[in-house]
Structure formats: C-alpha cells, structure tokens
C-alpha atoms as a PDB file:
ATOM      1  CA  MET A   1     112.960  87.744  79.228  1.00  0.00           C
ATOM      2  CA  ASN A   2     116.746  87.751  80.063  1.00  0.00           C
ATOM      3  CA  ASP A   3     117.064  91.257  78.745  1.00  0.00           C
ATOM      4  CA  ARG A   4     114.688  92.690  81.130  1.00  0.00           C
ATOM      5  CA  LYS A   5     115.616  90.569  84.409  1.00  0.00           C
ATOM      6  CA  LYS A   6     119.036  91.892  84.098  1.00  0.00           C
ATOM      7  CA  ALA A   7     117.323  95.281  83.181  1.00  0.00           C
ATOM      8  CA  MET A   8     115.593  95.077  86.456  1.00  0.00           C
ATOM      9  CA  LEU A   9     118.529  94.217  88.384  1.00  0.00           C
ATOM     10  CA  MET A  10     121.090  96.914  86.762  1.00  0.00           C
ATOM     11  CA  ALA A  11     118.231  99.356  87.142  1.00  0.00           C
ATOM     12  CA  SER A  12     117.943  98.868  90.947  1.00  0.00           C
ATOM     13  CA  PHE A  13     122.098  99.069  91.553  1.00  0.00           C
ATOM     14  CA  ILE A  14     121.674 102.084  89.107  1.00  0.00           C
ATOM     15  CA  ALA A  15     119.384 104.589  91.259  1.00  0.00           C
ATOM     16  CA  ASP A  16     121.215 103.383  94.794  1.00  0.00           C
ATOM     17  CA  SER A  17     124.637 104.709  92.889  1.00  0.00           C
ATOM     18  CA  LEU A  18     122.783 107.832  90.916  1.00  0.00           C
ATOM     19  CA  ALA A  19     121.413 108.765  94.225  1.00  0.00           C
ATOM     20  CA  LEU A  20     124.921 108.581  96.159  1.00  0.00           C
ATOM     21  CA  GLY A  21     125.505 112.445  95.215  1.00  0.00           C
ATOM     22  CA  VAL A  22     122.520 114.057  97.154  1.00  0.00           C
ATOM     23  CA  HIS A  23     121.415 110.935  99.139  1.00  0.00           C
ATOM     24  CA  TRP A  24     119.313 112.262 102.195  1.00  0.00           C
ATOM     25  CA  ILE A  25     119.332 115.807 100.683  1.00  0.00           C
ATOM     26  CA  TYR A  26     115.617 117.091 101.975  1.00  0.00           C
ATOM     27  CA  ASP A  27     116.197 120.502 100.442  1.00  0.00           C
ATOM     28  CA  THR A  28     114.976 119.934  96.963  1.00  0.00           C
ATOM     29  CA  GLN A  29     115.583 123.713  96.284  1.00  0.00           C
ATOM     30  CA  GLN A  30     119.261 123.249  97.777  1.00  0.00           C
ATOM     31  CA  ILE A  31     119.754 120.063  95.042  1.00  0.00           C
ATOM     32  CA  ALA A  32     118.317 121.899  92.230  1.00  0.00           C
ATOM     33  CA  ASN A  33     120.411 124.841  92.914  1.00  0.00           C
ATOM     34  CA  THR A  34     123.729 123.526  93.365  1.00  0.00           C
ATOM     35  CA  TYR A  35     123.904 119.957  91.596  1.00  0.00           C
ATOM     36  CA  GLY A  36     120.874 121.007  88.543  1.00  0.00           C
ATOM     37  CA  ARG A  37     119.191 117.905  87.680  1.00  0.00           C
ATOM     38  CA  VAL A  38     121.292 115.136  88.943  1.00  0.00           C
ATOM     39  CA  GLU A  39     121.542 113.431  85.537  1.00  0.00           C
ATOM     40  CA  LYS A  40     124.931 111.078  86.382  1.00  0.00           C
ATOM     41  CA  LEU A  41     126.665 109.653  88.989  1.00  0.00           C
ATOM     42  CA  MET A  42     128.689 111.591  91.368  1.00  0.00           C
ATOM     43  CA  ASN A  43     130.464 111.958  94.578  1.00  0.00           C
ATOM     44  CA  PRO A  44     128.759 112.195  97.595  1.00  0.00           C
ATOM     45  CA  ALA A  45     128.193 115.563  98.641  1.00  0.00           C
ATOM     46  CA  PRO A  46     130.426 117.214 101.286  1.00  0.00           C
ATOM     47  CA  GLY A  47     129.244 116.549 104.639  1.00  0.00           C
ATOM     48  CA  SER A  48     127.106 113.629 103.573  1.00  0.00           C
ATOM     49  CA  PHE A  49     126.331 110.329 105.288  1.00  0.00           C
ATOM     50  CA  HIS A  50     128.649 108.671 102.825  1.00  0.00           C
ATOM     51  CA  PRO A  51     131.926 110.273 102.989  1.00  0.00           C
ATOM     52  CA  THR A  52     133.937 107.368 102.413  1.00  0.00           C
ATOM     53  CA  LYS A  53     131.931 106.367  99.325  1.00  0.00           C
ATOM     54  CA  ASN A  54     133.627 107.739  95.894  1.00  0.00           C
ATOM     55  CA  LYS A  55     131.482 108.178  91.990  1.00  0.00           C
ATOM     56  CA  GLY A  56     130.432 104.988  91.378  1.00  0.00           C
ATOM     57  CA  ASP A  57     129.853 103.226  94.628  1.00  0.00           C
ATOM     58  CA  PHE A  58     126.887 101.789  96.253  1.00  0.00           C
ATOM     59  CA  THR A  59     125.394 103.482  99.596  1.00  0.00           C
ATOM     60  CA  HIS A  60     125.329 100.917 102.547  1.00  0.00           C
ATOM     61  CA  TYR A  61     121.930  99.824 100.860  1.00  0.00           C
ATOM     62  CA  ALA A  62     123.062  98.375  97.539  1.00  0.00           C
ATOM     63  CA  ASP A  63     126.161  97.277  99.032  1.00  0.00           C
ATOM     64  CA  GLN A  64     124.020  94.825 101.226  1.00  0.00           C
ATOM     65  CA  THR A  65     121.893  94.074  97.897  1.00  0.00           C
ATOM     66  CA  PHE A  66     125.485  93.055  96.274  1.00  0.00           C
ATOM     67  CA  VAL A  67     126.063  90.697  99.636  1.00  0.00           C
ATOM     68  CA  LEU A  68     122.373  89.438  98.758  1.00  0.00           C
ATOM     69  CA  LEU A  69     123.761  88.528  94.978  1.00  0.00           C
ATOM     70  CA  GLN A  70     127.166  86.830  96.127  1.00  0.00           C
ATOM     71  CA  SER A  71     125.008  84.770  98.661  1.00  0.00           C
ATOM     72  CA  LEU A  72     122.534  83.408  95.825  1.00  0.00           C
ATOM     73  CA  ALA A  73     125.705  83.209  93.271  1.00  0.00           C
ATOM     74  CA  ASP A  74     127.343  81.229  96.044  1.00  0.00           C
ATOM     75  CA  CYS A  75     124.421  78.658  96.811  1.00  0.00           C
ATOM     76  CA  GLY A  76     122.695  79.026  93.416  1.00  0.00           C
ATOM     77  CA  ALA A  77     119.561  79.267  95.599  1.00  0.00           C
ATOM     78  CA  PHE A  78     118.238  81.688  98.989  1.00  0.00           C
ATOM     79  CA  ASP A  79     119.785  80.242 102.402  1.00  0.00           C
ATOM     80  CA  LEU A  80     119.307  82.600 104.660  1.00  0.00           C
ATOM     81  CA  ALA A  81     122.304  81.567 106.956  1.00  0.00           C
ATOM     82  CA  ASP A  82     124.239  82.375 104.413  1.00  0.00           C
ATOM     83  CA  PHE A  83     123.158  85.624 103.338  1.00  0.00           C
ATOM     84  CA  SER A  84     122.987  86.743 107.287  1.00  0.00           C
ATOM     85  CA  ALA A  85     126.961  85.171 107.306  1.00  0.00           C
ATOM     86  CA  LYS A  86     127.939  87.463 104.468  1.00  0.00           C
ATOM     87  CA  TRP A  87     125.374  90.349 105.362  1.00  0.00           C
ATOM     88  CA  ARG A  88     127.469  90.568 109.307  1.00  0.00           C
ATOM     89  CA  ALA A  89     130.568  90.231 107.481  1.00  0.00           C
ATOM     90  CA  LEU A  90     130.370  92.901 105.472  1.00  0.00           C
ATOM     91  CA  PHE A  91     129.332  94.815 108.615  1.00  0.00           C
ATOM     92  CA  ALA A  92     132.230  93.726 110.944  1.00  0.00           C
ATOM     93  CA  ASP A  93     134.889  96.061 109.656  1.00  0.00           C
ATOM     94  CA  TYR A  94     132.408  98.222 107.308  1.00  0.00           C
ATOM     95  CA  ALA A  95     133.792 101.663 106.141  1.00  0.00           C
ATOM     96  CA  GLY A  96     130.463 103.182 105.381  1.00  0.00           C
ATOM     97  CA  TYR A  97     127.334 104.157 107.533  1.00  0.00           C
ATOM     98  CA  ALA A  98     125.268 101.769 108.985  1.00  0.00           C
ATOM     99  CA  ASP A  99     121.830 102.764 109.430  1.00  0.00           C
ATOM    100  CA  GLY A 100     119.431 101.874 112.674  1.00  0.00           C
ATOM    101  CA  ALA A 101     118.414  98.585 111.456  1.00  0.00           C
ATOM    102  CA  THR A 102     121.765  97.277 111.441  1.00  0.00           C
ATOM    103  CA  ARG A 103     122.828  98.658 113.954  1.00  0.00           C
ATOM    104  CA  LYS A 104     120.208  97.028 115.752  1.00  0.00           C
ATOM    105  CA  THR A 105     119.975  93.797 114.003  1.00  0.00           C
ATOM    106  CA  LEU A 106     123.593  93.474 114.294  1.00  0.00           C
ATOM    107  CA  ALA A 107     122.554  94.362 118.268  1.00  0.00           C
ATOM    108  CA  TRP A 108     120.086  91.228 118.230  1.00  0.00           C
ATOM    109  CA  TYR A 109     122.878  88.799 117.038  1.00  0.00           C
ATOM    110  CA  ALA A 110     125.377  89.862 119.882  1.00  0.00           C
ATOM    111  CA  LYS A 111     122.605  88.246 122.656  1.00  0.00           C
ATOM    112  CA  GLY A 112     122.489  85.450 120.847  1.00  0.00           C
ATOM    113  CA  LYS A 113     119.605  85.783 118.084  1.00  0.00           C
ATOM    114  CA  THR A 114     119.628  83.905 114.685  1.00  0.00           C
ATOM    115  CA  ALA A 115     118.596  85.028 111.259  1.00  0.00           C
ATOM    116  CA  GLU A 116     115.112  83.939 111.420  1.00  0.00           C
ATOM    117  CA  ASN A 117     114.621  86.161 114.899  1.00  0.00           C
ATOM    118  CA  ALA A 118     117.468  89.043 114.676  1.00  0.00           C
ATOM    119  CA  GLY A 119     115.361  91.442 112.467  1.00  0.00           C
ATOM    120  CA  SER A 120     115.131  95.166 113.655  1.00  0.00           C
ATOM    121  CA  ARG A 121     111.424  96.023 113.771  1.00  0.00           C
ATOM    122  CA  THR A 122     112.312  98.953 111.664  1.00  0.00           C
ATOM    123  CA  GLY A 123     109.842  99.829 109.114  1.00  0.00           C
ATOM    124  CA  ASP A 124     111.958 101.516 106.568  1.00  0.00           C
ATOM    125  CA  PHE A 125     111.478 100.883 102.635  1.00  0.00           C
ATOM    126  CA  SER A 126     115.439  99.866 102.133  1.00  0.00           C
ATOM    127  CA  GLY A 127     114.586  96.458 103.642  1.00  0.00           C
ATOM    128  CA  ALA A 128     112.167  95.558 100.930  1.00  0.00           C
ATOM    129  CA  ALA A 129     114.280  97.542  98.851  1.00  0.00           C
ATOM    130  CA  ARG A 130     117.063  94.806  98.311  1.00  0.00           C
ATOM    131  CA  ILE A 131     114.769  92.274  96.367  1.00  0.00           C
ATOM    132  CA  ALA A 132     116.209  92.324  92.501  1.00  0.00           C
ATOM    133  CA  PRO A 133     119.164  89.295  93.371  1.00  0.00           C
ATOM    134  CA  ILE A 134     116.168  87.281  94.415  1.00  0.00           C
ATOM    135  CA  LEU A 135     113.494  88.428  91.126  1.00  0.00           C
ATOM    136  CA  PHE A 136     116.516  87.239  89.117  1.00  0.00           C
ATOM    137  CA  LEU A 137     117.586  84.346  89.676  1.00  0.00           C
ATOM    138  CA  TYR A 138     113.650  83.202  91.149  1.00  0.00           C
ATOM    139  CA  ALA A 139     111.588  84.792  88.090  1.00  0.00           C
ATOM    140  CA  ASP A 140     110.353  81.679  86.988  1.00  0.00           C
ATOM    141  CA  ASP A 141     109.597  80.444  90.408  1.00  0.00           C
ATOM    142  CA  GLU A 142     106.894  82.468  91.956  1.00  0.00           C
ATOM    143  CA  GLU A 143     106.374  80.374  95.494  1.00  0.00           C
ATOM    144  CA  LYS A 144     110.430  80.885  95.678  1.00  0.00           C
ATOM    145  CA  ALA A 145     111.073  84.182  94.975  1.00  0.00           C
ATOM    146  CA  LEU A 146     107.819  84.995  97.498  1.00  0.00           C
ATOM    147  CA  ALA A 147     109.476  83.380 100.507  1.00  0.00           C
ATOM    148  CA  ALA A 148     112.911  84.381  99.442  1.00  0.00           C
ATOM    149  CA  ALA A 149     111.564  88.028  99.584  1.00  0.00           C
ATOM    150  CA  ARG A 150     109.890  87.851 102.820  1.00  0.00           C
ATOM    151  CA  ALA A 151     112.580  86.355 104.422  1.00  0.00           C
ATOM    152  CA  GLN A 152     115.709  88.410 103.450  1.00  0.00           C
ATOM    153  CA  THR A 153     113.641  91.466 104.187  1.00  0.00           C
ATOM    154  CA  ALA A 154     112.642  90.642 107.900  1.00  0.00           C
ATOM    155  CA  MET A 155     116.323  89.126 108.521  1.00  0.00           C
ATOM    156  CA  THR A 156     116.735  93.124 109.240  1.00  0.00           C
ATOM    157  CA  HIS A 157     113.362  94.999 108.852  1.00  0.00           C
ATOM    158  CA  ASN A 158     110.907  92.394 110.517  1.00  0.00           C
ATOM    159  CA  ASP A 159     108.151  94.986 109.992  1.00  0.00           C
ATOM    160  CA  PRO A 160     104.938  93.462 108.791  1.00  0.00           C
ATOM    161  CA  ASN A 161     103.848  96.179 106.708  1.00  0.00           C
ATOM    162  CA  THR A 162     107.746  96.374 105.143  1.00  0.00           C
ATOM    163  CA  VAL A 163     108.137  92.389 104.717  1.00  0.00           C
ATOM    164  CA  ASP A 164     104.457  92.832 103.191  1.00  0.00           C
ATOM    165  CA  THR A 165     106.136  95.854 100.566  1.00  0.00           C
ATOM    166  CA  ALA A 166     108.773  93.295  99.598  1.00  0.00           C
ATOM    167  CA  GLU A 167     105.796  90.637  98.665  1.00  0.00           C
ATOM    168  CA  PHE A 168     103.700  92.847  96.752  1.00  0.00           C
ATOM    169  CA  PHE A 169     106.803  94.392  94.249  1.00  0.00           C
ATOM    170  CA  THR A 170     107.842  90.764  94.022  1.00  0.00           C
ATOM    171  CA  ARG A 171     104.180  89.536  92.712  1.00  0.00           C
ATOM    172  CA  VAL A 172     104.325  93.030  90.602  1.00  0.00           C
ATOM    173  CA  ILE A 173     107.679  92.328  89.067  1.00  0.00           C
ATOM    174  CA  LEU A 174     107.227  89.406  88.346  1.00  0.00           C
ATOM    175  CA  GLN A 175     103.423  90.295  86.641  1.00  0.00           C
ATOM    176  CA  ILE A 176     105.691  92.309  84.472  1.00  0.00           C
ATOM    177  CA  LEU A 177     108.691  90.137  83.812  1.00  0.00           C
ATOM    178  CA  ARG A 178     105.567  87.496  81.844  1.00  0.00           C
ATOM    179  CA  GLY A 179     104.107  90.555  80.009  1.00  0.00           C
ATOM    180  CA  THR A 180     101.345  92.877  82.048  1.00  0.00           C
ATOM    181  CA  ALA A 181     102.541  96.576  82.013  1.00  0.00           C
ATOM    182  CA  PRO A 182     103.640  98.249  85.413  1.00  0.00           C
ATOM    183  CA  ALA A 183     100.794 100.207  86.161  1.00  0.00           C
ATOM    184  CA  ALA A 184      98.400  97.368  85.030  1.00  0.00           C
ATOM    185  CA  ALA A 185      99.987  94.843  87.133  1.00  0.00           C
ATOM    186  CA  ILE A 186      99.944  97.073  90.388  1.00  0.00           C
ATOM    187  CA  GLU A 187      96.422  97.485  89.635  1.00  0.00           C
ATOM    188  CA  THR A 188      95.977  93.532  89.946  1.00  0.00           C
ATOM    189  CA  ILE A 189      98.140  92.587  92.675  1.00  0.00           C
ATOM    190  CA  VAL A 190      96.563  95.233  95.233  1.00  0.00           C
ATOM    191  CA  ARG A 191      93.240  94.234  94.681  1.00  0.00           C
ATOM    192  CA  THR A 192      93.900  90.590  95.629  1.00  0.00           C
ATOM    193  CA  ASP A 193      93.199  89.470  99.062  1.00  0.00           C
ATOM    194  CA  ALA A 194      96.682  89.275 100.319  1.00  0.00           C
ATOM    195  CA  PHE A 195      96.636  93.688 100.155  1.00  0.00           C
ATOM    196  CA  ALA A 196      92.826  94.896  99.520  1.00  0.00           C
ATOM    197  CA  MET A 197      92.322  95.378 102.992  1.00  0.00           C
ATOM    198  CA  SER A 198      95.865  96.493 103.966  1.00  0.00           C
ATOM    199  CA  PRO A 199      97.707 100.078 104.381  1.00  0.00           C
ATOM    200  CA  ILE A 200      99.174  99.160 100.776  1.00  0.00           C
ATOM    201  CA  ALA A 201      96.091  99.445  99.143  1.00  0.00           C
ATOM    202  CA  MET A 202      96.009 102.967 100.132  1.00  0.00           C
ATOM    203  CA  TRP A 203      99.069 103.588  99.401  1.00  0.00           C
ATOM    204  CA  VAL A 204      98.810 102.394  96.117  1.00  0.00           C
ATOM    205  CA  GLU A 205      95.484 104.064  95.307  1.00  0.00           C
ATOM    206  CA  GLU A 206      97.420 107.563  97.140  1.00  0.00           C
ATOM    207  CA  GLY A 207     100.041 107.076  94.067  1.00  0.00           C
ATOM    208  CA  LEU A 208      98.343 106.100  91.295  1.00  0.00           C
ATOM    209  CA  LYS A 209      96.287 109.520  91.912  1.00  0.00           C
ATOM    210  CA  SER A 210      98.869 111.555  91.991  1.00  0.00           C
ATOM    211  CA  LYS A 211      99.613 110.283  88.036  1.00  0.00           C
ATOM    212  CA  GLY A 212     101.317 113.345  86.051  1.00  0.00           C
ATOM    213  CA  GLU A 213     101.590 115.872  89.318  1.00  0.00           C
ATOM    214  CA  ASP A 214     104.864 117.576  89.787  1.00  0.00           C
ATOM    215  CA  SER A 215     106.713 114.652  91.129  1.00  0.00           C
ATOM    216  CA  VAL A 216     109.557 116.609  93.700  1.00  0.00           C
ATOM    217  CA  LYS A 217     106.010 117.890  95.527  1.00  0.00           C
ATOM    218  CA  THR A 218     104.517 114.993  95.486  1.00  0.00           C
ATOM    219  CA  VAL A 219     106.900 113.250  96.771  1.00  0.00           C
ATOM    220  CA  SER A 220     107.601 116.037  99.520  1.00  0.00           C
ATOM    221  CA  ARG A 221     103.879 115.881  99.894  1.00  0.00           C
ATOM    222  CA  PHE A 222     103.876 111.991 100.635  1.00  0.00           C
ATOM    223  CA  GLY A 223     107.100 111.882 102.430  1.00  0.00           C
ATOM    224  CA  GLN A 224     110.864 111.624 102.058  1.00  0.00           C
ATOM    225  CA  ALA A 225     111.937 110.294 105.162  1.00  0.00           C
ATOM    226  CA  CYS A 226     112.332 106.174 105.146  1.00  0.00           C
ATOM    227  CA  GLU A 227     109.785 104.789 106.357  1.00  0.00           C
ATOM    228  CA  THR A 228     107.630 102.545 104.134  1.00  0.00           C
ATOM    229  CA  GLN A 229     104.099 104.351 104.285  1.00  0.00           C
ATOM    230  CA  GLN A 230     106.098 107.824 103.286  1.00  0.00           C
ATOM    231  CA  VAL A 231     108.518 105.898 100.317  1.00  0.00           C
ATOM    232  CA  PHE A 232     105.974 103.520  98.764  1.00  0.00           C
ATOM    233  CA  PRO A 233     103.283 106.212  97.253  1.00  0.00           C
ATOM    234  CA  GLY A 234     106.102 108.091  95.840  1.00  0.00           C
ATOM    235  CA  VAL A 235     107.303 104.827  94.062  1.00  0.00           C
ATOM    236  CA  ILE A 236     103.676 104.413  92.559  1.00  0.00           C
ATOM    237  CA  HIS A 237     103.470 107.806  91.530  1.00  0.00           C
ATOM    238  CA  LEU A 238     106.998 107.157  89.898  1.00  0.00           C
ATOM    239  CA  ILE A 239     106.120 104.461  88.052  1.00  0.00           C
ATOM    240  CA  ALA A 240     102.661 105.674  86.918  1.00  0.00           C
ATOM    241  CA  SER A 241     103.909 108.779  85.960  1.00  0.00           C
ATOM    242  CA  TYR A 242     107.206 107.492  83.823  1.00  0.00           C
ATOM    243  CA  GLU A 243     106.589 104.253  82.781  1.00  0.00           C
ATOM    244  CA  LYS A 244     107.649 104.545  79.654  1.00  0.00           C
ATOM    245  CA  ASP A 245     110.998 106.505  80.739  1.00  0.00           C
ATOM    246  CA  LEU A 246     113.333 105.075  83.593  1.00  0.00           C
ATOM    247  CA  LYS A 247     115.992 107.765  83.278  1.00  0.00           C
ATOM    248  CA  GLU A 248     113.376 110.162  83.787  1.00  0.00           C
ATOM    249  CA  ALA A 249     111.747 108.456  86.717  1.00  0.00           C
ATOM    250  CA  LEU A 250     115.485 108.283  88.253  1.00  0.00           C
ATOM    251  CA  VAL A 251     116.044 111.728  87.685  1.00  0.00           C
ATOM    252  CA  GLN A 252     113.185 113.054  89.356  1.00  0.00           C
ATOM    253  CA  CYS A 253     113.510 110.848  92.171  1.00  0.00           C
ATOM    254  CA  MET A 254     116.819 112.094  92.559  1.00  0.00           C
ATOM    255  CA  MET A 255     115.392 115.546  93.025  1.00  0.00           C
ATOM    256  CA  ALA A 256     113.090 114.882  95.128  1.00  0.00           C
ATOM    257  CA  GLY A 257     115.574 113.926  97.953  1.00  0.00           C
ATOM    258  CA  GLY A 258     115.367 112.659 101.147  1.00  0.00           C
ATOM    259  CA  ASP A 259     115.858 108.548 100.451  1.00  0.00           C
ATOM    260  CA  ASN A 260     115.991 108.491  97.148  1.00  0.00           C
ATOM    261  CA  ALA A 261     118.682 105.705  97.212  1.00  0.00           C
ATOM    262  CA  ALA A 262     115.282 103.613  98.327  1.00  0.00           C
ATOM    263  CA  ARG A 263     113.330 105.039  96.282  1.00  0.00           C
ATOM    264  CA  GLY A 264     114.734 105.285  93.377  1.00  0.00           C
ATOM    265  CA  SER A 265     115.979 101.080  93.810  1.00  0.00           C
ATOM    266  CA  MET A 266     112.744  99.592  93.573  1.00  0.00           C
ATOM    267  CA  THR A 267     111.455 102.221  91.269  1.00  0.00           C
ATOM    268  CA  GLY A 268     114.279 101.468  88.479  1.00  0.00           C
ATOM    269  CA  MET A 269     113.400  97.553  89.334  1.00  0.00           C
ATOM    270  CA  VAL A 270     110.217  97.635  88.131  1.00  0.00           C
ATOM    271  CA  LEU A 271     110.671  99.975  85.233  1.00  0.00           C
ATOM    272  CA  GLY A 272     113.839  98.066  84.287  1.00  0.00           C
ATOM    273  CA  ALA A 273     111.569  94.906  84.167  1.00  0.00           C
ATOM    274  CA  TRP A 274     109.382  96.324  81.785  1.00  0.00           C
ATOM    275  CA  LEU A 275     111.418  98.501  79.664  1.00  0.00           C
ATOM    276  CA  GLY A 276     114.851  96.592  79.136  1.00  0.00           C
ATOM    277  CA  THR A 277     118.335  97.734  79.408  1.00  0.00           C
ATOM    278  CA  ASP A 278     117.984  99.927  76.256  1.00  0.00           C
ATOM    279  CA  ALA A 279     116.220 102.625  78.935  1.00  0.00           C
ATOM    280  CA  ILE A 280     119.108 102.397  80.715  1.00  0.00           C
ATOM    281  CA  PRO A 281     121.840 104.882  79.672  1.00  0.00           C
ATOM    282  CA  PRO A 282     125.009 103.553  79.278  1.00  0.00           C
ATOM    283  CA  GLU A 283     126.866 105.574  81.304  1.00  0.00           C
ATOM    284  CA  TRP A 284     125.006 104.517  84.470  1.00  0.00           C
ATOM    285  CA  THR A 285     125.711 101.307  83.412  1.00  0.00           C
ATOM    286  CA  GLU A 286     129.095 101.697  82.504  1.00  0.00           C
ATOM    287  CA  GLY A 287     129.895 104.127  85.356  1.00  0.00           C
ATOM    288  CA  LEU A 288     129.112 101.159  88.282  1.00  0.00           C
ATOM    289  CA  ASN A 289     132.458 100.306  89.827  1.00  0.00           C
ATOM    290  CA  LYS A 290     131.316  96.728  90.189  1.00  0.00           C
ATOM    291  CA  LYS A 291     129.487  96.242  86.686  1.00  0.00           C
ATOM    292  CA  LYS A 292     131.854  93.868  86.000  1.00  0.00           C
ATOM    293  CA  GLU A 293     131.813  92.030  89.112  1.00  0.00           C
ATOM    294  CA  ILE A 294     127.806  91.597  89.175  1.00  0.00           C
ATOM    295  CA  GLU A 295     128.517  90.673  85.583  1.00  0.00           C
ATOM    296  CA  LYS A 296     129.973  87.609  86.872  1.00  0.00           C
ATOM    297  CA  LEU A 297     127.700  86.809  89.577  1.00  0.00           C
ATOM    298  CA  LEU A 298     124.769  87.283  87.236  1.00  0.00           C
ATOM    299  CA  ASP A 299     126.515  84.712  84.665  1.00  0.00           C
ATOM    300  CA  LYS A 300     127.060  82.621  87.789  1.00  0.00           C
ATOM    301  CA  ILE A 301     123.446  82.221  88.402  1.00  0.00           C
ATOM    302  CA  SER A 302     121.768  82.520  85.186  1.00  0.00           C
END
C-alpha cells in the first residue's frame, strides 16, 4: 500500500503543477493550437493568473495542500488550529493568486471568526481537492480521515456539497487503497445512504455514463469552471475512461481547460492510489520544485 499511498499524493501535486501552464484557459482550441498535447510541466502562459510562478511550481491550490502536509508532519495528526495558522501565514505575504474563497475566508478571520466558522460559502471543488496528505496519514483510520477531510475543506469552503465531496472521495480512495478498482469503488460508495439521494449521485451517474466519450467535449459539456457541480462529473468521466492510464487521464484533463488544476488533482489522487508510482512519468515527479521537501515530509509522517 505504501507505494500507492505515495503515488496518490504525488499525483495530486503533479496534476496541479502540470496544469500551471494552462490553468483557467477555457478555449480548448487555443490550448491545442498553442501547446499541443500538454504532456510536460511548463511555465504559466503569458497573462495568466500565475505570473509569479515558474515551471515545476504549484498553483495556489497545491500550495495550500503543501501547507496541510507540513501541518500533518509537524503535529503527527490533523490539527485544525495548526493548519489554520499555517494557512493564514501562507497568505499573509503570498506572491501568487488568492481566489475568492481565500479572500472571503481571510475576511472572516479578520472579523474574529475561528477556523471552525471562518470558511467561505464558496462551492468550488478545489477545497475538497486538498485531501491527499490526510489520506496518506490516515489510510488505516477511516474515521479520522473522514473527520479531517471534512474539517480541512470547511475551513475555507464551507459549502455542504463541497464538504460532502471531500467525504465521498475520501471513502472512494480508502477503498481503492484496500484493493478495489476505482470505478467499482465509486459505484459502491455512491449507493450508500450518505450519498444515494444527494446531488453527488447524479454527478456520478453523469460521469460514468460518459465513459469513453471524447474527454475535451465531455468536460466542456459538464462545465469547465471551478464549481463543484461542474468539476465533479468531469473527474468521474476521467477516472472511468482512463482507469488504467494515469498519464492519459491527466493529459486529457489539461486539454479540457478551465479549472484543470482542481479536476486533475482529484483525478490524479484516485488513479495514483490504484496504479502506483510506475504509472507516473518520472519526468513529472522529478520536475516538481518541491519534490525533496515533499519526500522529507512524507518520511516524517510514514
């Protein structure tokens, strides 16, 4: 399991970094014409939302995931207060982009709210897409994993569907780490009482039905933007369509444009947990500027 746990986490970071060069470009033809197949880490596009970043860096999403990993390593457990403090320190003098959820959460902190109630009501999928470090630490403790996944999401994205999304994928990935194939795990978890009558059931159904369809067109149909209801079915489509090919899943995710960073992070987590490190192109892993720091932190919590 250790290899697949590490692949789960590294693929999450890698997907975010792979998206850096084409993040939030919604014109898929522009991506194809300008970059061809997005198979390499690259510098952000001119005029992008990430002008201070370089090839191998992360978007503001994975920068937050890295802070969560640091917190887990320092505390040996999920500590909401510590994660909150480190998260606020990250954005106290941040050179990158701060999205709406971040700005709203920081504003609530400034008004005296705490980590338990400062989270914005923003329903962006990215809040749920930070959970890889938690799954690495708590792969053998589902109760703690679920509580931590929900709490870290709500700290910045206190939207019920987004928090439930974090729980859903936590349950799915833990099943995968125990040996269940991704599509089968998704179908099993979505039938449980927690999700059977929720919007998640509809998003899963839409994603699974689209298996094998053209991914760029399918993601565009579901929606390329950041909102959970748009990103979720696209993630399911990519997982179901490329269950045995992590690289192609992430390439297609990048080519589909929009919020390919959040979409890719969760897709990478799920397929990394199933396929292991051999499925990740070595140049992707070696290209991460924080690779050594991530590995030291993983050693600390292993």
